[in-house]
Each structure stands twice: as C-alpha cells, then as structure tokens.
Protein backbone atom coordinates (compact mmCIF):
# COMPACT_ATOMS: atom_id res chain seq x y z
CA MET A 1 -94.31 39.59 -34.79
CA GLU A 2 -91.71 37.01 -35.70
CA GLY A 3 -89.83 39.66 -37.69
CA GLU A 4 -89.93 41.97 -34.69
CA LYS A 5 -88.20 39.35 -32.49
CA MET A 6 -85.35 38.96 -34.98
CA LYS A 7 -84.36 42.60 -34.81
CA LYS A 8 -81.07 43.31 -33.12
CA LYS A 9 -81.34 45.66 -30.17
CA LEU A 10 -79.47 48.96 -30.40
CA ILE A 11 -76.98 49.47 -27.64
CA ASN A 12 -77.82 52.25 -25.23
CA TYR A 13 -74.50 52.72 -23.43
CA GLN A 14 -75.96 55.11 -20.82
CA GLN A 15 -78.59 52.57 -19.87
CA GLU A 16 -76.57 49.34 -20.23
CA TRP A 17 -73.47 50.58 -18.41
CA LYS A 18 -73.92 51.72 -14.83
CA GLN A 19 -72.69 55.13 -13.74
CA ILE A 20 -70.79 55.62 -10.50
CA THR A 21 -68.90 58.47 -8.88
CA LEU A 22 -65.19 57.97 -8.24
CA PRO A 23 -62.37 60.14 -6.84
CA ILE A 24 -60.15 61.55 -9.58
CA ALA A 25 -57.11 60.27 -7.72
CA SER A 26 -58.36 56.69 -7.91
CA LEU A 27 -58.39 56.61 -11.75
CA LEU A 28 -55.44 55.14 -13.65
CA LEU A 29 -54.59 56.10 -17.23
CA ASP A 30 -54.58 53.16 -19.60
CA PRO A 31 -51.04 52.25 -20.82
CA GLU A 32 -52.63 50.37 -23.76
CA ASN A 33 -54.50 53.44 -24.98
CA ILE A 34 -54.15 53.46 -28.78
CA ARG A 35 -53.31 57.18 -28.72
CA LEU A 36 -50.11 56.53 -26.84
CA GLU A 37 -46.74 55.69 -28.31
CA THR A 38 -45.47 52.13 -27.97
CA GLY A 39 -43.50 51.57 -24.80
CA LEU A 40 -45.24 54.01 -22.45
CA LYS A 41 -45.96 52.05 -19.29
CA THR A 42 -45.73 54.28 -16.23
CA GLN A 43 -48.37 56.85 -15.29
CA ASP A 44 -45.73 59.60 -15.42
CA GLU A 45 -44.81 58.70 -19.00
CA ILE A 46 -48.46 58.69 -20.05
CA VAL A 47 -49.09 62.09 -18.42
CA ARG A 48 -46.14 63.63 -20.30
CA ASP A 49 -47.21 62.09 -23.61
CA LEU A 50 -50.80 63.36 -23.27
CA PHE A 51 -49.62 66.90 -22.56
CA VAL A 52 -46.80 67.00 -25.14
CA ASN A 53 -48.47 65.09 -27.98
CA GLU A 54 -52.20 64.98 -27.36
CA LYS A 55 -53.00 68.61 -26.40
CA ALA A 56 -54.13 67.81 -22.88
CA MET A 57 -53.35 71.41 -21.91
CA GLN A 58 -56.06 72.63 -24.27
CA VAL A 59 -58.53 70.26 -22.63
CA LEU A 60 -57.46 71.54 -19.19
CA LEU A 61 -58.00 75.15 -20.25
CA SER A 62 -61.43 74.29 -21.69
CA ILE A 63 -62.46 72.68 -18.40
CA TYR A 64 -61.05 75.66 -16.50
CA GLU A 65 -63.07 78.13 -18.56
CA ASN A 66 -66.28 76.15 -19.18
CA GLY A 67 -66.45 73.45 -16.53
CA PHE A 68 -66.69 69.65 -16.86
CA PHE A 69 -69.84 68.57 -18.70
CA PRO A 70 -71.70 65.49 -17.44
CA ASP A 71 -72.46 64.25 -20.96
CA LYS A 72 -68.74 63.52 -21.44
CA SER A 73 -68.33 60.97 -18.65
CA PRO A 74 -65.15 58.90 -19.04
CA VAL A 75 -65.49 55.18 -19.65
CA VAL A 76 -63.66 52.92 -17.17
CA VAL A 77 -63.07 49.23 -16.60
CA LYS A 78 -62.20 47.60 -13.30
CA GLU A 79 -59.12 45.38 -13.63
CA ASN A 80 -57.17 43.90 -10.73
CA LYS A 81 -59.04 46.17 -8.33
CA ASN A 82 -57.94 49.26 -10.32
CA TRP A 83 -60.15 51.63 -12.24
CA ILE A 84 -58.63 51.94 -15.73
CA VAL A 85 -59.69 54.83 -17.98
CA PHE A 86 -60.50 53.66 -21.47
CA GLU A 87 -62.21 56.71 -22.88
CA GLY A 88 -61.39 60.20 -21.56
CA ASN A 89 -57.69 59.93 -20.66
CA ARG A 90 -57.09 63.57 -21.62
CA ARG A 91 -59.98 64.79 -19.51
CA VAL A 92 -58.94 62.68 -16.54
CA VAL A 93 -55.26 63.73 -16.77
CA SER A 94 -56.38 67.38 -16.95
CA LEU A 95 -58.46 67.04 -13.79
CA GLN A 96 -55.61 65.24 -12.02
CA ALA A 97 -53.19 67.99 -13.04
CA MET A 98 -55.55 70.63 -11.63
CA ILE A 99 -55.38 68.85 -8.28
CA ASN A 100 -51.59 68.45 -8.42
CA PRO A 101 -49.49 69.20 -11.56
CA ILE A 102 -46.42 67.42 -10.23
CA HIS A 103 -46.14 64.99 -13.13
CA VAL A 104 -46.90 67.34 -16.04
CA PRO A 105 -44.06 68.72 -18.21
CA ARG A 106 -42.23 71.69 -16.66
CA LYS A 107 -43.44 74.26 -19.15
CA TYR A 108 -47.09 73.63 -18.09
CA LYS A 109 -46.57 73.13 -14.37
CA GLU A 110 -46.32 76.75 -13.16
CA LYS A 111 -49.11 77.93 -15.42
CA ILE A 112 -51.49 75.31 -14.00
CA ARG A 113 -50.55 76.24 -10.45
CA LYS A 114 -51.29 79.93 -11.15
CA LEU A 115 -54.62 79.07 -12.73
CA MET A 116 -55.70 77.00 -9.75
CA LEU A 117 -55.03 79.81 -7.32
CA GLU A 118 -58.46 81.08 -8.38
CA ARG A 119 -60.29 77.77 -8.70
CA SER A 120 -61.10 74.78 -6.54
CA PRO A 121 -60.31 71.53 -8.35
CA ILE A 122 -62.88 68.85 -9.14
CA VAL A 123 -62.03 65.93 -6.92
CA SER A 124 -64.56 63.33 -8.09
CA ILE A 125 -66.54 62.66 -11.26
CA THR A 126 -69.21 60.35 -12.61
CA VAL A 127 -67.90 57.62 -14.92
CA ARG A 128 -69.54 54.93 -17.02
CA VAL A 129 -68.32 51.41 -16.16
CA ALA A 130 -67.85 49.07 -19.11
CA PRO A 131 -68.40 45.41 -18.25
CA ASN A 132 -65.01 44.35 -19.59
CA ARG A 133 -62.06 45.43 -21.79
CA GLU A 134 -63.58 43.85 -24.93
CA ALA A 135 -66.78 45.88 -24.63
CA ALA A 136 -64.78 49.04 -24.01
CA MET A 137 -62.65 48.37 -27.10
CA GLN A 138 -65.74 47.99 -29.23
CA TYR A 139 -67.00 51.30 -27.87
CA LEU A 140 -63.67 52.98 -28.69
CA ALA A 141 -63.83 51.70 -32.25
CA ALA A 142 -67.29 53.13 -32.68
CA THR A 143 -66.31 56.55 -31.36
CA HIS A 144 -62.81 57.02 -32.77
CA THR A 145 -62.49 55.15 -36.07
CA LYS A 146 -65.42 56.77 -37.81
CA ASN A 147 -66.79 60.32 -37.95
CA THR A 148 -65.83 62.04 -34.72
CA LYS A 149 -64.45 65.40 -33.63
CA ARG A 150 -61.01 63.90 -33.07
CA PRO A 151 -60.62 60.77 -35.15
CA TRP A 152 -57.53 58.61 -34.99
CA SER A 153 -55.07 58.62 -37.87
CA ALA A 154 -55.29 55.76 -40.35
CA LEU A 155 -52.23 54.14 -38.82
CA ARG A 156 -53.69 54.43 -35.30
CA ARG A 157 -56.83 52.69 -36.53
CA ALA A 158 -54.70 49.97 -38.11
CA TYR A 159 -52.96 49.39 -34.74
CA PHE A 160 -56.32 49.33 -32.97
CA TYR A 161 -57.78 46.63 -35.21
CA TYR A 162 -54.56 44.62 -35.26
CA ALA A 163 -54.47 44.63 -31.45
CA GLN A 164 -57.75 42.72 -31.51
CA LYS A 165 -56.24 40.20 -33.95
CA GLU A 166 -53.23 39.68 -31.69
CA LYS A 167 -55.55 38.94 -28.78
CA GLY A 168 -57.06 36.02 -30.68
CA GLN A 169 -59.81 37.56 -32.78
CA SER A 170 -59.94 36.22 -36.36
CA VAL A 171 -59.99 38.67 -39.23
CA GLN A 172 -63.44 37.41 -40.21
CA SER A 173 -64.81 38.10 -36.71
CA LEU A 174 -63.31 41.59 -36.84
CA ILE A 175 -65.01 42.19 -40.21
CA GLU A 176 -68.33 41.11 -38.71
CA ARG A 177 -67.88 43.16 -35.54
CA TYR A 178 -66.61 46.43 -37.06
CA LYS A 179 -69.07 46.96 -39.87
CA GLY A 180 -67.97 49.53 -42.47
CA ALA A 181 -64.25 49.24 -41.64
CA ASN A 182 -61.97 47.70 -44.28
CA ILE A 183 -60.28 45.31 -41.88
CA PRO A 184 -58.00 43.56 -44.44
CA ALA A 185 -56.71 46.98 -45.57
CA TYR A 186 -55.92 47.91 -41.98
CA ILE A 187 -54.17 44.57 -41.38
CA LYS A 188 -52.08 45.15 -44.51
CA MET A 189 -51.28 48.71 -43.35
CA TYR A 190 -50.19 47.56 -39.91
CA GLU A 191 -47.98 44.80 -41.26
CA MET A 192 -46.26 47.01 -43.87
CA HIS A 193 -45.56 49.53 -41.11
CA HIS A 194 -44.36 46.70 -38.85
CA ILE A 195 -41.82 45.66 -41.53
CA ALA A 196 -40.70 49.30 -41.87
CA ILE A 197 -39.86 49.64 -38.17
CA SER A 198 -38.05 46.31 -38.34
CA LEU A 199 -35.42 47.58 -40.83
CA ALA A 200 -31.92 47.64 -39.41
CA ASN A 201 -30.49 49.80 -42.20
CA ILE A 202 -32.31 53.06 -41.48
CA SER A 203 -31.10 55.87 -39.26
CA ASP A 204 -32.41 56.47 -35.76
CA GLU A 205 -33.80 59.81 -36.93
CA VAL A 206 -35.88 58.16 -39.62
CA ARG A 207 -36.84 55.32 -37.31
CA LYS A 208 -38.31 57.82 -34.86
CA LYS A 209 -40.33 59.45 -37.63
CA ILE A 210 -41.66 56.10 -38.81
CA ASN A 211 -42.51 55.04 -35.25
CA ASN A 212 -44.66 58.13 -34.76
CA LYS A 213 -48.11 56.80 -35.61
CA ARG A 214 -49.60 60.28 -35.40
CA SER A 215 -47.49 61.90 -38.09
CA PHE A 216 -45.89 59.20 -40.31
CA ASP A 217 -47.46 59.53 -43.75
CA ILE A 218 -48.78 55.99 -44.05
CA THR A 219 -51.07 56.95 -46.94
CA THR A 220 -48.04 57.59 -49.16
CA LEU A 221 -46.66 54.14 -48.29
CA GLU A 222 -50.10 52.69 -48.92
CA ARG A 223 -50.22 54.27 -52.37
CA LEU A 224 -46.96 52.59 -53.25
CA TYR A 225 -47.60 49.08 -51.87
CA SER A 226 -51.09 49.07 -53.40
CA ASP A 227 -49.58 49.42 -56.86
CA LYS A 228 -49.26 45.97 -58.52
CA TYR A 229 -46.12 46.95 -60.36
CA VAL A 230 -44.48 48.02 -57.13
CA GLN A 231 -45.60 44.78 -55.45
CA GLU A 232 -43.97 42.72 -58.24
CA LYS A 233 -40.71 44.66 -58.14
CA LEU A 234 -40.41 44.33 -54.34
CA GLY A 235 -41.70 40.75 -54.20
CA LEU A 236 -44.62 41.58 -51.91
CA GLN A 237 -47.66 39.33 -51.62
CA PHE A 238 -50.97 40.04 -49.83
CA ASN A 239 -53.67 37.67 -48.69
CA LEU A 240 -56.79 39.11 -50.33
CA LYS A 241 -59.10 37.86 -47.57
CA THR A 242 -57.08 38.85 -44.51
CA GLY A 243 -54.66 41.48 -45.74
CA GLU A 244 -51.69 39.60 -44.24
CA VAL A 245 -48.35 40.37 -45.86
CA THR A 246 -45.55 38.15 -47.13
CA ALA A 247 -42.27 39.85 -47.98
CA PRO A 248 -38.74 38.78 -49.01
CA LYS A 249 -36.40 38.50 -46.05
CA SER A 250 -33.29 39.59 -47.87
CA GLN A 251 -30.71 42.35 -47.86
CA GLU A 252 -31.92 43.51 -51.29
CA PHE A 253 -35.47 44.02 -50.00
CA ASN A 254 -34.28 45.69 -46.83
CA CYS A 255 -32.21 48.18 -48.85
CA ALA A 256 -35.04 48.99 -51.26
CA TYR A 257 -37.66 49.33 -48.55
CA ALA A 258 -35.29 51.45 -46.47
CA VAL A 259 -34.96 53.93 -49.34
CA ILE A 260 -38.76 54.11 -49.69
CA VAL A 261 -39.61 54.68 -46.04
CA THR A 262 -36.75 57.16 -45.67
CA ASP A 263 -38.08 59.15 -48.65
CA ILE A 264 -41.52 59.17 -47.05
CA ALA A 265 -40.21 60.17 -43.65
CA ASP A 266 -38.21 63.03 -45.18
CA LYS A 267 -41.17 63.99 -47.44
CA ILE A 268 -39.13 63.41 -50.61
CA ILE A 269 -42.22 61.63 -51.89
CA THR A 270 -45.86 62.20 -50.91
CA SER A 271 -49.18 61.03 -52.33
CA ARG A 272 -49.09 64.09 -54.61
CA LYS A 273 -45.37 64.31 -55.22
CA ARG A 274 -43.40 61.97 -57.50
CA ILE A 275 -45.79 59.00 -57.10
CA SER A 276 -49.17 60.50 -57.80
CA ASP A 277 -50.02 58.19 -60.72
CA SER A 278 -48.95 54.78 -62.03
CA VAL A 279 -46.38 56.26 -64.45
CA GLU A 280 -44.66 58.21 -61.70
CA ARG A 281 -44.73 55.21 -59.37
CA LYS A 282 -43.13 53.04 -62.05
CA THR A 283 -40.40 55.62 -62.63
CA TYR A 284 -39.74 55.96 -58.92
CA ILE A 285 -39.57 52.23 -58.13
CA ASP A 286 -37.43 51.50 -61.22
CA GLN A 287 -34.82 53.93 -59.92
CA ILE A 288 -34.66 52.08 -56.63
CA VAL A 289 -35.10 48.55 -57.93
CA PRO A 290 -33.75 48.23 -61.53
CA LYS A 291 -34.58 44.53 -61.58
CA LYS A 292 -37.29 42.51 -59.85
CA LEU A 293 -36.05 41.41 -56.43
CA PRO A 294 -35.45 37.69 -55.87
CA SER A 295 -38.21 36.28 -53.67
CA LYS A 296 -37.11 32.75 -52.98
CA LYS A 297 -36.92 33.31 -49.22
CA THR A 298 -40.06 35.08 -47.99
CA SER A 299 -41.53 35.54 -44.53
CA MET A 300 -44.77 36.61 -42.94
CA ALA A 301 -44.69 40.18 -41.61
CA SER A 302 -45.02 38.82 -38.08
CA ASP A 303 -41.59 37.21 -38.47
CA PHE A 304 -39.93 40.62 -38.77
CA THR A 305 -38.66 42.01 -35.46
CA PRO A 306 -38.99 45.78 -34.75
CA VAL A 307 -35.85 47.70 -33.90
CA GLU A 308 -36.13 50.22 -31.08
CA PRO A 309 -34.91 53.76 -31.98
CA ALA A 310 -32.04 55.22 -29.98
CA LYS A 311 -32.97 57.89 -27.47
CA THR A 312 -30.71 60.53 -28.97
CA THR A 313 -29.81 61.53 -32.52
CA LYS A 314 -26.43 63.07 -33.26
CA ASN A 315 -26.00 65.44 -36.16
CA LYS A 316 -22.26 65.10 -36.56
CA LEU A 317 -20.19 62.23 -37.83
CA ASN A 318 -18.51 60.21 -35.06
CA THR A 319 -14.74 60.29 -35.56
CA ARG A 320 -13.91 58.61 -32.24
CA GLY A 321 -11.32 55.86 -32.62
CA ILE A 322 -9.49 57.44 -35.52
CA GLY A 323 -5.85 58.33 -35.00
CA PHE A 324 -4.95 60.92 -37.62
CA CYS A 325 -1.26 60.71 -38.54
CA LEU A 326 -0.99 61.57 -42.23
CA PRO A 327 1.61 64.34 -42.76
CA PHE A 328 -0.52 66.37 -45.19
CA PRO A 329 -2.07 69.68 -43.97
CA ALA A 330 -4.70 69.62 -46.75
CA ILE A 331 -5.98 66.19 -45.64
CA GLU A 332 -5.98 67.29 -42.01
CA ARG A 333 -8.07 70.34 -42.88
CA MET A 334 -10.61 68.14 -44.65
CA TYR A 335 -10.64 65.82 -41.66
CA LYS A 336 -11.37 68.74 -39.28
CA GLU A 337 -14.24 69.84 -41.51
CA ILE A 338 -15.69 66.35 -41.43
CA GLU A 339 -15.54 66.46 -37.63
CA ARG A 340 -17.40 69.77 -37.43
CA ILE A 341 -19.91 69.76 -40.27
CA SER A 342 -23.58 69.24 -39.33
CA ILE A 343 -25.44 66.60 -41.28
CA SER A 344 -28.88 67.53 -39.97
CA ASN A 345 -31.63 67.51 -42.63
CA ASP A 346 -33.12 70.71 -41.22
CA ARG A 347 -30.24 73.10 -40.66
CA GLY A 348 -27.18 71.10 -41.61
CA PHE A 349 -25.37 70.28 -44.85
CA PRO A 350 -25.74 66.54 -45.60
CA ASN A 351 -25.07 66.95 -49.32
CA ALA A 352 -21.93 68.99 -48.69
CA ALA A 353 -20.83 66.48 -46.06
CA HIS A 354 -21.29 63.55 -48.44
CA ASP A 355 -19.41 65.33 -51.25
CA LEU A 356 -16.62 66.08 -48.79
CA LEU A 357 -16.65 62.41 -47.72
CA ARG A 358 -15.97 61.31 -51.29
CA SER A 359 -13.09 63.82 -51.73
CA PHE A 360 -11.67 62.80 -48.35
CA LEU A 361 -11.78 59.09 -49.30
CA GLU A 362 -9.94 59.66 -52.55
CA CYS A 363 -7.32 62.06 -51.14
CA SER A 364 -6.62 60.05 -48.02
CA LEU A 365 -6.07 56.89 -50.09
CA LYS A 366 -3.60 58.74 -52.32
CA ALA A 367 -1.86 60.14 -49.25
CA PHE A 368 -1.67 56.62 -47.73
CA PHE A 369 -0.05 55.30 -50.90
CA GLU A 370 2.49 58.15 -51.00
CA VAL A 371 3.69 57.72 -47.40
CA HIS A 372 4.17 54.00 -48.08
CA ASP A 373 5.87 54.57 -51.45
CA ILE A 374 3.19 52.67 -53.36
CA ILE A 375 2.76 53.50 -57.05
CA ILE A 376 -0.85 53.44 -58.27
CA LYS A 377 -1.32 51.58 -61.50
CA LYS A 378 -3.77 53.49 -63.68
CA LYS A 379 -4.91 54.07 -67.22
CA GLY A 380 -4.65 57.53 -68.60
CA GLU A 381 -3.18 60.79 -67.29
CA TYR A 382 -5.15 61.24 -64.07
CA THR A 383 -5.60 59.14 -60.95
CA PHE A 384 -9.24 58.69 -60.03
CA LEU A 385 -11.00 57.25 -57.00
CA LYS A 386 -11.60 53.96 -58.84
CA ASP A 387 -7.86 53.65 -59.46
CA ALA A 388 -7.04 54.16 -55.78
CA LEU A 389 -9.67 51.63 -54.68
CA LYS A 390 -8.46 49.04 -57.17
CA GLU A 391 -4.87 49.48 -56.01
CA PHE A 392 -5.77 49.14 -52.34
CA GLY A 393 -7.65 45.88 -52.95
CA GLY A 394 -4.94 44.22 -55.05
CA ASN A 395 -1.56 45.59 -53.94
CA GLU A 396 0.77 43.12 -52.22
CA LYS A 397 2.36 45.79 -50.06
CA VAL A 398 -1.08 46.85 -48.83
CA LYS A 399 -1.78 43.23 -47.99
CA HIS A 400 1.42 43.11 -45.95
CA LEU A 401 0.65 46.40 -44.18
CA THR A 402 -2.92 45.45 -43.25
CA GLY A 403 -1.98 41.99 -41.96
CA SER A 404 -4.93 40.26 -40.33
CA LYS A 405 -7.20 43.16 -41.32
CA PHE A 406 -6.58 42.69 -45.05
CA LYS A 407 -9.51 40.36 -45.79
CA ALA A 408 -12.06 42.56 -44.03
CA LEU A 409 -10.72 45.75 -45.60
CA ARG A 410 -10.50 44.16 -49.04
CA ASN A 411 -14.15 43.09 -48.77
CA LEU A 412 -15.08 46.59 -47.68
CA VAL A 413 -13.32 48.03 -50.72
CA LYS A 414 -15.25 45.59 -52.91
CA LYS A 415 -18.48 46.92 -51.43
CA ILE A 416 -17.36 50.47 -52.19
CA GLU A 417 -16.57 49.47 -55.79
CA GLN A 418 -20.06 48.01 -56.49
CA THR A 419 -21.56 49.28 -59.75
CA LYS A 420 -24.58 46.97 -60.20
CA GLY A 421 -27.72 46.18 -58.23
CA ILE A 422 -29.35 47.93 -55.31
CA GLY A 423 -26.16 47.81 -53.25
CA SER A 424 -24.44 50.10 -55.76
CA MET A 425 -26.67 52.96 -54.64
CA MET A 426 -25.83 52.73 -50.97
CA GLY A 427 -24.28 55.81 -49.42
CA TYR A 428 -20.81 54.25 -49.03
CA THR A 429 -20.32 53.23 -52.66
CA ALA A 430 -18.13 55.19 -55.07
CA ASN A 431 -20.93 54.79 -57.62
CA PHE A 432 -23.40 56.70 -55.44
CA MET A 433 -20.86 59.34 -54.44
CA ASN A 434 -19.87 59.90 -58.06
CA GLN A 435 -23.50 60.26 -59.08
CA LEU A 436 -24.03 62.70 -56.19
CA LYS A 437 -21.17 64.79 -57.40
CA HIS A 438 -21.93 64.77 -61.11
CA SER A 439 -25.64 63.98 -61.62
CA HIS A 440 -28.46 66.49 -61.23
CA TYR A 441 -30.82 63.68 -60.16
CA PHE A 442 -28.96 62.57 -57.00
CA PHE A 443 -28.96 64.03 -53.52
CA SER A 444 -28.04 62.97 -50.03
CA ASN A 445 -29.55 63.40 -46.59
CA ARG A 446 -28.56 62.80 -42.99
CA GLU A 447 -29.30 59.11 -43.10
CA THR A 448 -27.40 58.44 -46.30
CA VAL A 449 -24.23 60.30 -45.34
CA GLN A 450 -24.34 58.73 -41.85
CA GLN A 451 -24.60 55.30 -43.45
CA GLY A 452 -21.72 56.15 -45.75
CA TRP A 453 -19.51 57.24 -42.89
CA ASP A 454 -20.38 54.26 -40.69
CA GLU A 455 -19.39 51.82 -43.44
CA LEU A 456 -16.22 53.66 -44.47
CA LYS A 457 -14.96 54.36 -40.96
CA PRO A 458 -12.99 51.06 -40.58
CA LEU A 459 -11.07 51.92 -43.74
CA PHE A 460 -10.33 55.44 -42.48
CA MET A 461 -9.23 54.07 -39.09
CA PHE A 462 -6.53 52.10 -40.90
CA ILE A 463 -5.31 54.42 -43.65
CA LEU A 464 -5.23 57.63 -41.53
CA SER A 465 -3.12 56.02 -38.81
CA SER A 466 -0.95 53.66 -40.86
CA VAL A 467 2.14 55.83 -41.34
CA PRO A 468 5.84 54.84 -41.01
CA GLU A 469 7.40 56.14 -37.80
CA LYS A 470 9.78 58.45 -39.60
CA LYS A 471 6.88 60.15 -41.45
CA LYS A 472 4.47 60.64 -38.52
CA THR A 473 3.62 64.27 -37.72
C-alpha cells in the first residue's frame, strides 16, 4: 500500500482542466506563441504570419470540408480578463477568418468570402482552460517537442525551452520537468543562434534567413560547433551541465562566424556537404581560421545583442553620393555596369559583380593617378593593383590632394592590402579579389560583394570625383 501512495498521478487534461464555451470573437491569439517570428505583437501581424507561414489556409479548408472536431478543443488561459489561445492558434484564426476575413492576406480574402457564401460560420467553440501560463507551457512541450503530427523544428524547441530559463527556471529544473529532452543541448543551440543573429558583419539578406527559425539549418551549425577541433579554432567554450556558451567578443571571431553562418544560410555547406565528417570539418574551418583565434576577451552568449534585419533587401550596389568626373569612357562604362548589375544570389551575378569591382578599383586608381600626373613606382614591366594601392597610401601628392581625408583613406587602403589573417579574406581586400579572379576554390555571393562595395565606397567617392577643373568632363 505504501508503494501505491508514492506513485505519481498521471495528468488527465480533460478532467483536470475545465471546459467552457466561448465566442470565437472573444479569443485572442498569443503573441508569445513559439511558432511565431520574433517581433509579432498585434493580432493583425499574427493572423498574417499564420496564413503565410503556418498554413492556416489548409486548416481552414479542412474545417470547411470536414467540420470542427470536438476532440481538438483549443487550450486557453485567462490573463488580464482576456482569453489567450495557447494551443490551437491556427484553428482559431481559421474560424475567425470564416466569420470575417478582413485581416487575412489579400490572396486568401476573396476565396474565403466565396467559400462562406455556402456555409454559416461557427461562432462559438468549447475550449479547455489551463490554470495558468506555466501549466499551458508544459502542455505545449508535451504535445509539440516530441512525436506529434506537426512537431516544431529543433530551433523552435530550443527557443521554447530557453524561454522558460529566461523566466527564472533553472536548467536543472527544466531537465527534471521535461523528461527525455536534452535541455543543455537546446540551451547551447539557442545561444549559438543568438550569437549568429547578433553579428553586425552579415548582410540583411542572410540575417533574415538566420532569423527564420522554421527554415534556418541549425543542425548544420550544430554539427560544426559540436566538433572539438572547431571549438578550439573558434575559441568556443560550453558549460557541460547547462549548455551555456562562452565565445570571444572580437572582430576575428565575428568575421569567422559570419562566414560560417552565411555559408549555412546560402547552403554552401550542409550536414552532408563539405562538413559531413571530422576530416571535412577540419579542412573547412582551417580555410576560414588558419590559426586559432585569440580568446583573451570572452563573453557569455547573453552579452551579445541581436541586430534587427532591415525590412527590405536591395540587389544592386548603392552608388548614391558618388560624383563621377573621370574623363575616361572605359571607366565610365564600367561604372554604369556596376550601377546596373544585379548581385542577387538567385538570379543575379554576384561573382561577375565582384570581379568587375576588382577591375574597377584598379583602373579607377590608375585613371586618378593619370589625371593628377602622378607616376606609379613599380617593379617590373606591368602595373598591378598592388602597385596602385601602395602608391596611393604613400604618395605625398595624394596626401596633399586628400587633405583631412588622408588618414582615413590611407587606413582603408591598408585594410585592402591585408594579406594575413582572417581579415585578408574579407570581400574588400585585394587578396580576396585576386583569389576570386585566379583561384578555382574561391567564389563570391551577394553578401560578400555587398560588403566589398560598402567598404570601398569611400575610396571611390574620392578618386572618382577628384579631378582638376581643366580635366573634368
């Protein structure tokens, strides 16, 4: 008998949680629903997200054809006198749209209206009332993080568990509560993703891909950061008990990690491509990080601040602010091509654009020297890009012409001339552009050529407009 008393009672949600009938119009969609993208707060935004990204229209059509089954009652919690839907947001939004599709995306609106010409909408449903948000969260974990018809992605699960940690739950208590879930692994996954979206040196296009917790290939990133050799090269440390991450807070780490997450976002690497085993992972990380990164200054992942992606992504290089005055038709033609060429990864020509950028840099520097009667000092018969860069950084006449801008432009030229370390492989360096032009191992993409242009633009703004009055076109 004593053993019988010690048994833990199984939860019977139907019996423990009371069921009530509520008007569909009185139900509010939960802005903290783990399915939803970060930043969605208004009901309109949530409705659009559920239809565009969570296939709410399919749910609506299923209800239209087959009816609404009572065994799928949504779970709600009463907060501040409002009924918040925790489980069943797609079903609720479908029923609300059948009553009035005013907030659904335009492409679905008319179709729903036509469908409902032949049906009367459901105006109230039975719901199960969870006693509080904590109980509802535990229910969500049980139904969506294990074997279900529509499980969350690994990254969604990581965000779910980390949300409990942020609300004051210890990792140990989470381990005890969510039996069978590798909580430290999910904490580690969340924090590595958190660092990724905190990088300032990635493009907005890549940032949007990384922010998408539904589609970003977190398992590829996990395969890399789980490799001890990769950890050592990047200077990553993990707490074995909690999964918490410590990473270098340095430009070198930011550059290396930016390359990795960009390659994942653009599917340059996958779990089965280029990093499938330890040998491939070693080869890949050695190309990005030739030497182990310095890790004197490290920070917890929570100290990294996420960067919000811009709302729009442009696929052409921004030439605003440049006054083109060089009296050379060939250079002007190249400049016009740079203005027009698409750098999109899907239908554009980022590699051609980057190759053109290198040629334009070399030729515009030579044109600048000619209009100012500057003789380039060089070794050998031909004048190369490295000769032009060296002359610009050390010529006294250039120093006089640039005036107060000389120091900044000279430092920029030094960055372009880098030949060692991670910085030498950034998109604006001559080293990278030369490798891109001559090596069969190097390639560019939208992010890299955009980075190259953004860094080089101040130099172009000066050399393309700095022409003696008598030589201006």
